[in-house]
Amino acid sequence: MKNIFLPITGEVQREMLQSVSSSQAEEVQNEPEPLISGHMLQAVFSMLWSTVVMELWKRRSSSLSYRWGTLNLAERFAEPRPGFHGDLGVNPVTGRMEPLFPEWKRDLRMALVSVPAVGLFLGLVVLGMMCFYWAEAGVKQLHKDWNTMVSQTLLYVPSVLHIVYTNMLATAYRTLAQALTEY
């Protein structure tokens, strides 16, 4: 059974008109679609406007903070995290005694733990996308072969599974990122 709800393209429309009357087909001219739609213009304008407004707001906020003397107020009075453990030393920025963590240890932890963990999750994202495209192609072929209501419903399954997979991966990554931050 053929799908009767296919959109009629310009070429199909011309063929239909030529089959009905060859003289009428010459009179019909297809107007080309614009390359840039109104929605695209609105999206670009919104993106540029919001970026400019946010940057101007940050600039104004910083200048007022500087003028009022509150630019580094929060950093000046901030205490180290309660769970942070390090050797007591003089902070080179504030000149106060506080627990410090050696930079070489931080770099080592980043190189041996953080970077591989982020790489693992990046690989899982790429694997998920590849599986999504593979499943989508398979379901489209299945729908092309069967052309039933069930196969048409199955067209949505890869997208739903990809959304679920992405949300699960985001939750796992957020948990790992918090644990790595504490580490």
N, C-alpha and C. Protein backbone atom coordinates (compact mmCIF):
# COMPACT_ATOMS: atom_id res chain seq x y z
N MET A 1 0.84 -1.17 0.00
CA MET A 1 0.00 0.00 0.00
C MET A 1 0.89 1.24 0.00
N LYS A 2 0.68 2.12 -0.93
CA LYS A 2 1.47 3.33 -1.05
C LYS A 2 0.97 4.38 -0.07
N ASN A 3 1.89 5.21 0.39
CA ASN A 3 1.55 6.29 1.29
C ASN A 3 1.00 7.45 0.45
N ILE A 4 -0.24 7.85 0.69
CA ILE A 4 -0.88 8.89 -0.11
C ILE A 4 -0.64 10.28 0.47
N PHE A 5 0.06 10.38 1.56
CA PHE A 5 0.27 11.67 2.22
C PHE A 5 1.64 12.25 1.93
N LEU A 6 2.24 11.90 0.81
CA LEU A 6 3.53 12.45 0.45
C LEU A 6 3.35 13.89 -0.02
N PRO A 7 4.26 14.78 0.31
CA PRO A 7 4.14 16.16 -0.18
C PRO A 7 4.40 16.21 -1.68
N ILE A 8 3.70 17.10 -2.33
CA ILE A 8 3.83 17.23 -3.78
C ILE A 8 4.93 18.25 -4.06
N THR A 9 5.97 17.80 -4.73
CA THR A 9 7.08 18.70 -5.06
C THR A 9 6.77 19.44 -6.34
N GLY A 10 7.62 20.42 -6.67
CA GLY A 10 7.41 21.23 -7.87
C GLY A 10 7.43 20.39 -9.13
N GLU A 11 8.33 19.41 -9.18
CA GLU A 11 8.45 18.57 -10.37
C GLU A 11 7.20 17.71 -10.56
N VAL A 12 6.70 17.13 -9.49
CA VAL A 12 5.48 16.31 -9.57
C VAL A 12 4.31 17.18 -9.98
N GLN A 13 4.26 18.41 -9.44
CA GLN A 13 3.17 19.31 -9.78
C GLN A 13 3.20 19.68 -11.26
N ARG A 14 4.40 19.92 -11.80
CA ARG A 14 4.51 20.24 -13.23
C ARG A 14 4.06 19.06 -14.09
N GLU A 15 4.46 17.85 -13.70
CA GLU A 15 4.06 16.67 -14.47
C GLU A 15 2.54 16.50 -14.46
N MET A 16 1.94 16.75 -13.30
CA MET A 16 0.48 16.63 -13.21
C MET A 16 -0.21 17.65 -14.12
N LEU A 17 0.32 18.88 -14.10
CA LEU A 17 -0.28 19.92 -14.93
C LEU A 17 -0.07 19.62 -16.42
N GLN A 18 1.08 19.09 -16.79
CA GLN A 18 1.33 18.76 -18.19
C GLN A 18 0.42 17.64 -18.65
N SER A 19 0.12 16.71 -17.77
CA SER A 19 -0.75 15.61 -18.18
C SER A 19 -2.19 16.08 -18.36
N VAL A 20 -2.61 17.10 -17.62
CA VAL A 20 -3.97 17.60 -17.75
C VAL A 20 -4.10 18.48 -18.99
N SER A 21 -3.21 19.42 -19.11
CA SER A 21 -3.27 20.33 -20.25
C SER A 21 -1.90 20.92 -20.48
N SER A 22 -1.37 20.72 -21.67
CA SER A 22 -0.03 21.21 -21.95
C SER A 22 0.01 22.74 -22.05
N SER A 23 -1.10 23.37 -22.46
CA SER A 23 -1.10 24.83 -22.58
C SER A 23 -1.15 25.49 -21.21
N GLN A 24 -1.85 24.91 -20.25
CA GLN A 24 -1.93 25.48 -18.92
C GLN A 24 -0.63 25.32 -18.16
N ALA A 25 0.13 24.30 -18.45
CA ALA A 25 1.37 24.04 -17.72
C ALA A 25 2.41 25.12 -18.00
N GLU A 26 2.37 25.70 -19.22
CA GLU A 26 3.34 26.74 -19.55
C GLU A 26 3.05 28.02 -18.79
N GLU A 27 1.78 28.29 -18.44
CA GLU A 27 1.41 29.51 -17.75
C GLU A 27 1.83 29.50 -16.28
N VAL A 28 1.87 28.32 -15.66
CA VAL A 28 2.20 28.22 -14.23
C VAL A 28 3.70 28.37 -14.05
N GLN A 29 4.09 29.31 -13.23
CA GLN A 29 5.50 29.50 -12.93
C GLN A 29 5.70 29.31 -11.43
N ASN A 30 6.69 28.52 -11.07
CA ASN A 30 6.97 28.30 -9.65
C ASN A 30 7.87 29.42 -9.15
N GLU A 31 7.45 30.04 -8.06
CA GLU A 31 8.27 31.07 -7.45
C GLU A 31 9.33 30.38 -6.60
N PRO A 32 10.58 30.79 -6.74
CA PRO A 32 11.62 30.15 -5.92
C PRO A 32 11.46 30.56 -4.46
N GLU A 33 11.75 29.60 -3.57
CA GLU A 33 11.66 29.88 -2.14
C GLU A 33 12.85 30.74 -1.74
N PRO A 34 12.63 31.68 -0.82
CA PRO A 34 13.76 32.52 -0.39
C PRO A 34 14.81 31.68 0.34
N LEU A 35 16.07 32.09 0.17
CA LEU A 35 17.15 31.35 0.82
C LEU A 35 17.14 31.56 2.33
N ILE A 36 16.69 32.73 2.78
CA ILE A 36 16.67 33.03 4.20
C ILE A 36 15.23 33.31 4.60
N SER A 37 14.72 32.55 5.55
CA SER A 37 13.34 32.73 5.98
C SER A 37 13.28 33.75 7.12
N GLY A 38 12.09 34.19 7.41
CA GLY A 38 11.89 35.14 8.51
C GLY A 38 12.28 34.55 9.85
N HIS A 39 12.06 33.25 10.02
CA HIS A 39 12.42 32.59 11.27
C HIS A 39 13.93 32.59 11.47
N MET A 40 14.66 32.38 10.38
CA MET A 40 16.11 32.39 10.49
C MET A 40 16.61 33.79 10.84
N LEU A 41 16.04 34.80 10.24
CA LEU A 41 16.42 36.18 10.55
C LEU A 41 16.12 36.51 12.01
N GLN A 42 14.95 36.08 12.49
CA GLN A 42 14.59 36.33 13.88
C GLN A 42 15.55 35.62 14.83
N ALA A 43 15.92 34.38 14.51
CA ALA A 43 16.84 33.63 15.37
C ALA A 43 18.20 34.30 15.42
N VAL A 44 18.72 34.73 14.28
CA VAL A 44 20.02 35.41 14.26
C VAL A 44 19.95 36.72 15.02
N PHE A 45 18.88 37.50 14.81
CA PHE A 45 18.72 38.76 15.52
C PHE A 45 18.65 38.53 17.03
N SER A 46 17.86 37.53 17.46
CA SER A 46 17.75 37.24 18.90
C SER A 46 19.08 36.83 19.49
N MET A 47 19.82 36.02 18.76
CA MET A 47 21.12 35.57 19.25
C MET A 47 22.07 36.75 19.40
N LEU A 48 22.15 37.60 18.37
CA LEU A 48 23.04 38.76 18.45
C LEU A 48 22.59 39.75 19.52
N TRP A 49 21.29 40.02 19.60
CA TRP A 49 20.78 40.96 20.58
C TRP A 49 21.07 40.48 22.00
N SER A 50 20.78 39.21 22.29
CA SER A 50 21.01 38.71 23.65
C SER A 50 22.49 38.72 23.99
N THR A 51 23.35 38.41 23.04
CA THR A 51 24.79 38.43 23.31
C THR A 51 25.26 39.84 23.62
N VAL A 52 24.83 40.81 22.81
CA VAL A 52 25.24 42.20 23.03
C VAL A 52 24.72 42.71 24.37
N VAL A 53 23.46 42.45 24.68
CA VAL A 53 22.89 42.92 25.95
C VAL A 53 23.62 42.31 27.14
N MET A 54 23.92 41.00 27.07
CA MET A 54 24.62 40.35 28.18
C MET A 54 26.03 40.93 28.36
N GLU A 55 26.74 41.16 27.27
CA GLU A 55 28.09 41.72 27.37
C GLU A 55 28.05 43.15 27.91
N LEU A 56 27.10 43.94 27.46
CA LEU A 56 26.97 45.30 27.99
C LEU A 56 26.62 45.28 29.48
N TRP A 57 25.75 44.34 29.87
CA TRP A 57 25.39 44.23 31.28
C TRP A 57 26.59 43.82 32.13
N LYS A 58 27.39 42.87 31.65
CA LYS A 58 28.59 42.48 32.39
C LYS A 58 29.55 43.65 32.54
N ARG A 59 29.70 44.42 31.47
CA ARG A 59 30.60 45.58 31.52
C ARG A 59 30.09 46.62 32.53
N ARG A 60 28.82 46.90 32.49
CA ARG A 60 28.22 47.87 33.42
C ARG A 60 28.33 47.38 34.85
N SER A 61 28.07 46.12 35.09
CA SER A 61 28.16 45.54 36.42
C SER A 61 29.59 45.61 36.95
N SER A 62 30.56 45.29 36.12
CA SER A 62 31.96 45.36 36.55
C SER A 62 32.39 46.78 36.86
N SER A 63 31.96 47.74 36.04
CA SER A 63 32.36 49.12 36.30
C SER A 63 31.72 49.64 37.59
N LEU A 64 30.46 49.27 37.85
CA LEU A 64 29.83 49.68 39.10
C LEU A 64 30.49 49.00 40.30
N SER A 65 30.85 47.74 40.17
CA SER A 65 31.54 47.03 41.26
C SER A 65 32.88 47.68 41.55
N TYR A 66 33.59 48.08 40.52
CA TYR A 66 34.88 48.74 40.71
C TYR A 66 34.68 50.11 41.38
N ARG A 67 33.69 50.85 40.90
CA ARG A 67 33.44 52.18 41.45
C ARG A 67 33.03 52.10 42.92
N TRP A 68 32.25 51.10 43.29
CA TRP A 68 31.76 50.99 44.65
C TRP A 68 32.74 50.24 45.56
N GLY A 69 33.82 49.71 44.98
CA GLY A 69 34.81 49.01 45.79
C GLY A 69 34.40 47.61 46.20
N THR A 70 33.50 47.00 45.44
CA THR A 70 33.03 45.64 45.78
C THR A 70 33.43 44.62 44.73
N LEU A 71 34.43 44.94 43.92
CA LEU A 71 34.80 44.07 42.81
C LEU A 71 35.26 42.70 43.28
N ASN A 72 36.16 42.64 44.25
CA ASN A 72 36.68 41.36 44.73
C ASN A 72 36.26 41.09 46.17
N LEU A 73 35.13 41.66 46.57
CA LEU A 73 34.69 41.55 47.95
C LEU A 73 34.39 40.10 48.33
N ALA A 74 33.69 39.40 47.48
CA ALA A 74 33.32 38.02 47.80
C ALA A 74 34.56 37.14 47.89
N GLU A 75 35.52 37.34 46.98
CA GLU A 75 36.75 36.53 47.00
C GLU A 75 37.60 36.85 48.22
N ARG A 76 37.58 38.13 48.65
CA ARG A 76 38.41 38.55 49.76
C ARG A 76 38.01 37.86 51.07
N PHE A 77 36.70 37.66 51.25
CA PHE A 77 36.21 37.09 52.51
C PHE A 77 35.87 35.61 52.41
N ALA A 78 36.05 35.03 51.25
CA ALA A 78 35.69 33.62 51.06
C ALA A 78 36.67 32.72 51.81
N GLU A 79 36.13 31.73 52.46
CA GLU A 79 36.94 30.73 53.16
C GLU A 79 37.07 29.52 52.24
N PRO A 80 38.16 28.76 52.40
CA PRO A 80 38.28 27.53 51.61
C PRO A 80 37.14 26.56 51.96
N ARG A 81 36.87 25.68 51.03
CA ARG A 81 35.81 24.70 51.27
C ARG A 81 36.09 23.92 52.54
N PRO A 82 35.06 23.59 53.32
CA PRO A 82 35.28 22.85 54.57
C PRO A 82 35.91 21.47 54.32
N GLY A 83 35.60 20.84 53.20
CA GLY A 83 36.14 19.51 52.91
C GLY A 83 37.53 19.53 52.31
N PHE A 84 38.07 20.72 52.08
CA PHE A 84 39.38 20.84 51.44
C PHE A 84 40.49 20.58 52.47
N HIS A 85 41.42 19.71 52.11
CA HIS A 85 42.55 19.40 52.99
C HIS A 85 43.84 19.66 52.22
N GLY A 86 44.73 20.39 52.84
CA GLY A 86 46.01 20.68 52.21
C GLY A 86 47.00 21.13 53.26
N ASP A 87 48.22 21.36 52.82
CA ASP A 87 49.25 21.83 53.74
C ASP A 87 49.05 23.32 53.98
N LEU A 88 49.22 23.75 55.21
CA LEU A 88 49.06 25.14 55.58
C LEU A 88 50.19 25.96 54.98
N GLY A 89 49.82 27.05 54.30
CA GLY A 89 50.82 27.91 53.68
C GLY A 89 50.24 29.28 53.40
N VAL A 90 51.06 30.17 52.89
CA VAL A 90 50.63 31.54 52.60
C VAL A 90 50.09 31.57 51.17
N ASN A 91 48.87 32.06 51.05
CA ASN A 91 48.25 32.21 49.75
C ASN A 91 48.95 33.35 49.02
N PRO A 92 49.48 33.11 47.80
CA PRO A 92 50.22 34.17 47.11
C PRO A 92 49.34 35.34 46.67
N VAL A 93 48.05 35.14 46.56
CA VAL A 93 47.16 36.21 46.12
C VAL A 93 46.72 37.08 47.29
N THR A 94 46.21 36.43 48.35
CA THR A 94 45.66 37.20 49.49
C THR A 94 46.69 37.46 50.57
N GLY A 95 47.76 36.67 50.64
CA GLY A 95 48.76 36.82 51.70
C GLY A 95 48.32 36.24 53.02
N ARG A 96 47.21 35.52 53.05
CA ARG A 96 46.70 34.91 54.28
C ARG A 96 47.17 33.47 54.39
N MET A 97 47.23 32.98 55.62
CA MET A 97 47.55 31.58 55.87
C MET A 97 46.29 30.75 55.64
N GLU A 98 46.41 29.77 54.79
CA GLU A 98 45.28 28.88 54.50
C GLU A 98 45.83 27.58 53.92
N PRO A 99 44.99 26.54 53.91
CA PRO A 99 45.46 25.28 53.34
C PRO A 99 45.67 25.42 51.83
N LEU A 100 46.81 24.95 51.35
CA LEU A 100 47.15 25.00 49.93
C LEU A 100 47.36 23.60 49.40
N PHE A 101 47.06 23.41 48.13
CA PHE A 101 47.24 22.11 47.49
C PHE A 101 48.33 22.29 46.44
N PRO A 102 49.36 21.46 46.45
CA PRO A 102 50.45 21.63 45.48
C PRO A 102 49.94 21.52 44.04
N GLU A 103 50.45 22.41 43.20
CA GLU A 103 50.00 22.46 41.80
C GLU A 103 50.38 21.20 41.04
N TRP A 104 51.51 20.59 41.35
CA TRP A 104 51.92 19.39 40.63
C TRP A 104 50.97 18.23 40.92
N LYS A 105 50.42 18.19 42.15
CA LYS A 105 49.45 17.14 42.46
C LYS A 105 48.15 17.38 41.70
N ARG A 106 47.75 18.63 41.61
CA ARG A 106 46.53 18.98 40.87
C ARG A 106 46.69 18.61 39.40
N ASP A 107 47.84 18.96 38.82
CA ASP A 107 48.10 18.63 37.42
C ASP A 107 48.13 17.12 37.19
N LEU A 108 48.72 16.38 38.13
CA LEU A 108 48.78 14.93 38.02
C LEU A 108 47.39 14.31 38.07
N ARG A 109 46.56 14.81 38.99
CA ARG A 109 45.19 14.30 39.09
C ARG A 109 44.39 14.62 37.83
N MET A 110 44.60 15.80 37.30
CA MET A 110 43.89 16.15 36.07
C MET A 110 44.31 15.25 34.91
N ALA A 111 45.63 15.02 34.79
CA ALA A 111 46.13 14.23 33.67
C ALA A 111 45.74 12.76 33.77
N LEU A 112 45.75 12.21 35.00
CA LEU A 112 45.51 10.78 35.16
C LEU A 112 44.06 10.41 35.45
N VAL A 113 43.26 11.38 35.92
CA VAL A 113 41.89 11.04 36.29
C VAL A 113 40.87 11.86 35.49
N SER A 114 40.97 13.17 35.55
CA SER A 114 39.94 14.03 34.96
C SER A 114 39.90 13.92 33.43
N VAL A 115 41.04 14.05 32.79
CA VAL A 115 41.07 14.01 31.33
C VAL A 115 40.59 12.66 30.79
N PRO A 116 41.04 11.52 31.35
CA PRO A 116 40.49 10.24 30.86
C PRO A 116 38.99 10.09 31.11
N ALA A 117 38.50 10.61 32.25
CA ALA A 117 37.06 10.51 32.54
C ALA A 117 36.25 11.33 31.53
N VAL A 118 36.71 12.53 31.24
CA VAL A 118 36.01 13.36 30.26
C VAL A 118 36.10 12.72 28.88
N GLY A 119 37.26 12.16 28.55
CA GLY A 119 37.41 11.45 27.27
C GLY A 119 36.48 10.26 27.16
N LEU A 120 36.32 9.53 28.27
CA LEU A 120 35.40 8.39 28.28
C LEU A 120 33.98 8.85 27.99
N PHE A 121 33.55 9.92 28.64
CA PHE A 121 32.19 10.39 28.40
C PHE A 121 32.02 10.96 27.00
N LEU A 122 33.04 11.60 26.48
CA LEU A 122 32.99 12.07 25.10
C LEU A 122 32.85 10.90 24.14
N GLY A 123 33.60 9.83 24.40
CA GLY A 123 33.49 8.62 23.58
C GLY A 123 32.10 8.01 23.67
N LEU A 124 31.50 8.02 24.88
CA LEU A 124 30.15 7.49 25.04
C LEU A 124 29.12 8.33 24.27
N VAL A 125 29.33 9.64 24.23
CA VAL A 125 28.43 10.51 23.46
C VAL A 125 28.53 10.18 21.97
N VAL A 126 29.76 10.05 21.47
CA VAL A 126 29.96 9.72 20.05
C VAL A 126 29.37 8.34 19.74
N LEU A 127 29.60 7.38 20.62
CA LEU A 127 29.04 6.04 20.43
C LEU A 127 27.52 6.10 20.40
N GLY A 128 26.92 6.87 21.31
CA GLY A 128 25.47 7.02 21.34
C GLY A 128 24.93 7.62 20.06
N MET A 129 25.63 8.64 19.53
CA MET A 129 25.18 9.25 18.28
C MET A 129 25.28 8.25 17.12
N MET A 130 26.38 7.50 17.08
CA MET A 130 26.53 6.51 16.00
C MET A 130 25.43 5.46 16.09
N CYS A 131 25.13 4.98 17.29
CA CYS A 131 24.06 4.00 17.46
C CYS A 131 22.71 4.60 17.08
N PHE A 132 22.50 5.85 17.42
CA PHE A 132 21.25 6.52 17.06
C PHE A 132 21.08 6.56 15.55
N TYR A 133 22.12 6.99 14.82
CA TYR A 133 22.02 7.06 13.36
C TYR A 133 21.85 5.68 12.75
N TRP A 134 22.55 4.69 13.30
CA TRP A 134 22.42 3.32 12.80
C TRP A 134 21.00 2.81 13.00
N ALA A 135 20.45 3.03 14.22
CA ALA A 135 19.09 2.57 14.51
C ALA A 135 18.06 3.31 13.66
N GLU A 136 18.29 4.60 13.46
CA GLU A 136 17.36 5.38 12.65
C GLU A 136 17.34 4.88 11.21
N ALA A 137 18.52 4.58 10.67
CA ALA A 137 18.58 4.06 9.30
C ALA A 137 17.90 2.69 9.22
N GLY A 138 18.11 1.85 10.22
CA GLY A 138 17.49 0.53 10.23
C GLY A 138 15.97 0.61 10.31
N VAL A 139 15.47 1.50 11.15
CA VAL A 139 14.02 1.63 11.29
C VAL A 139 13.41 2.23 10.02
N LYS A 140 14.12 3.16 9.39
CA LYS A 140 13.62 3.72 8.12
C LYS A 140 13.55 2.65 7.04
N GLN A 141 14.57 1.79 6.99
CA GLN A 141 14.54 0.69 6.02
C GLN A 141 13.41 -0.28 6.34
N LEU A 142 13.21 -0.56 7.62
CA LEU A 142 12.11 -1.43 8.03
C LEU A 142 10.77 -0.84 7.62
N HIS A 143 10.62 0.47 7.84
CA HIS A 143 9.38 1.12 7.46
C HIS A 143 9.19 1.11 5.93
N LYS A 144 10.29 1.26 5.21
CA LYS A 144 10.22 1.23 3.75
C LYS A 144 9.79 -0.15 3.26
N ASP A 145 10.28 -1.21 3.94
CA ASP A 145 9.93 -2.57 3.55
C ASP A 145 8.51 -2.95 3.96
N TRP A 146 8.11 -2.62 5.20
CA TRP A 146 6.81 -3.04 5.72
C TRP A 146 5.70 -2.05 5.36
N ASN A 147 5.96 -0.75 5.58
CA ASN A 147 4.99 0.30 5.34
C ASN A 147 3.67 0.05 6.06
N THR A 148 3.77 -0.20 7.35
CA THR A 148 2.59 -0.41 8.19
C THR A 148 2.55 0.65 9.27
N MET A 149 1.45 0.66 10.02
CA MET A 149 1.31 1.62 11.12
C MET A 149 2.33 1.32 12.23
N VAL A 150 2.62 0.05 12.44
CA VAL A 150 3.60 -0.33 13.46
C VAL A 150 4.99 0.17 13.07
N SER A 151 5.36 -0.02 11.82
CA SER A 151 6.68 0.45 11.39
C SER A 151 6.76 1.97 11.41
N GLN A 152 5.64 2.64 11.15
CA GLN A 152 5.63 4.10 11.23
C GLN A 152 5.79 4.55 12.67
N THR A 153 5.22 3.84 13.61
CA THR A 153 5.38 4.16 15.02
C THR A 153 6.81 3.90 15.47
N LEU A 154 7.42 2.85 14.94
CA LEU A 154 8.80 2.53 15.31
C LEU A 154 9.80 3.59 14.86
N LEU A 155 9.39 4.47 13.93
CA LEU A 155 10.29 5.54 13.48
C LEU A 155 10.69 6.47 14.62
N TYR A 156 9.85 6.56 15.66
CA TYR A 156 10.13 7.46 16.78
C TYR A 156 10.99 6.81 17.87
N VAL A 157 11.11 5.51 17.86
CA VAL A 157 11.83 4.80 18.93
C VAL A 157 13.30 5.23 19.03
N PRO A 158 14.07 5.32 17.94
CA PRO A 158 15.47 5.74 18.11
C PRO A 158 15.62 7.12 18.74
N SER A 159 14.75 8.05 18.38
CA SER A 159 14.84 9.40 18.96
C SER A 159 14.53 9.37 20.46
N VAL A 160 13.52 8.63 20.84
CA VAL A 160 13.17 8.54 22.26
C VAL A 160 14.29 7.87 23.04
N LEU A 161 14.85 6.79 22.50
CA LEU A 161 15.95 6.12 23.18
C LEU A 161 17.18 7.02 23.27
N HIS A 162 17.42 7.81 22.25
CA HIS A 162 18.56 8.73 22.28
C HIS A 162 18.37 9.80 23.36
N ILE A 163 17.16 10.31 23.51
CA ILE A 163 16.87 11.29 24.56
C ILE A 163 17.08 10.68 25.94
N VAL A 164 16.59 9.48 26.14
CA VAL A 164 16.76 8.80 27.43
C VAL A 164 18.24 8.55 27.69
N TYR A 165 18.96 8.07 26.70
CA TYR A 165 20.39 7.80 26.84
C TYR A 165 21.16 9.07 27.17
N THR A 166 20.84 10.17 26.47
CA THR A 166 21.53 11.44 26.71
C THR A 166 21.26 11.94 28.12
N ASN A 167 20.03 11.84 28.59
CA ASN A 167 19.72 12.29 29.95
C ASN A 167 20.41 11.43 31.00
N MET A 168 20.45 10.12 30.79
CA MET A 168 21.16 9.24 31.73
C MET A 168 22.65 9.56 31.75
N LEU A 169 23.22 9.80 30.58
CA LEU A 169 24.64 10.13 30.48
C LEU A 169 24.92 11.47 31.15
N ALA A 170 24.03 12.44 30.98
CA ALA A 170 24.21 13.76 31.62
C ALA A 170 24.16 13.64 33.14
N THR A 171 23.26 12.82 33.65
CA THR A 171 23.17 12.62 35.10
C THR A 171 24.43 11.95 35.63
N ALA A 172 24.89 10.92 34.93
CA ALA A 172 26.12 10.23 35.36
C ALA A 172 27.32 11.17 35.29
N TYR A 173 27.38 11.98 34.24
CA TYR A 173 28.51 12.91 34.10
C TYR A 173 28.48 13.98 35.19
N ARG A 174 27.30 14.48 35.53
CA ARG A 174 27.18 15.48 36.59
C ARG A 174 27.66 14.91 37.92
N THR A 175 27.27 13.67 38.20
CA THR A 175 27.70 13.01 39.43
C THR A 175 29.22 12.83 39.45
N LEU A 176 29.77 12.38 38.33
CA LEU A 176 31.22 12.20 38.24
C LEU A 176 31.95 13.54 38.35
N ALA A 177 31.42 14.58 37.72
CA ALA A 177 32.06 15.90 37.78
C ALA A 177 32.09 16.44 39.20
N GLN A 178 31.02 16.23 39.94
CA GLN A 178 31.00 16.67 41.34
C GLN A 178 32.02 15.88 42.17
N ALA A 179 32.09 14.57 41.92
CA ALA A 179 33.05 13.75 42.66
C ALA A 179 34.47 14.16 42.31
N LEU A 180 34.75 14.43 41.04
CA LEU A 180 36.08 14.87 40.64
C LEU A 180 36.43 16.23 41.22
N THR A 181 35.45 17.11 41.33
CA THR A 181 35.69 18.42 41.93
C THR A 181 36.07 18.27 43.41
N GLU A 182 35.38 17.40 44.08
CA GLU A 182 35.73 17.15 45.49
C GLU A 182 37.10 16.49 45.62
N TYR A 183 37.43 15.63 44.67
CA TYR A 183 38.71 14.94 44.71
C TYR A 183 39.84 15.91 44.47
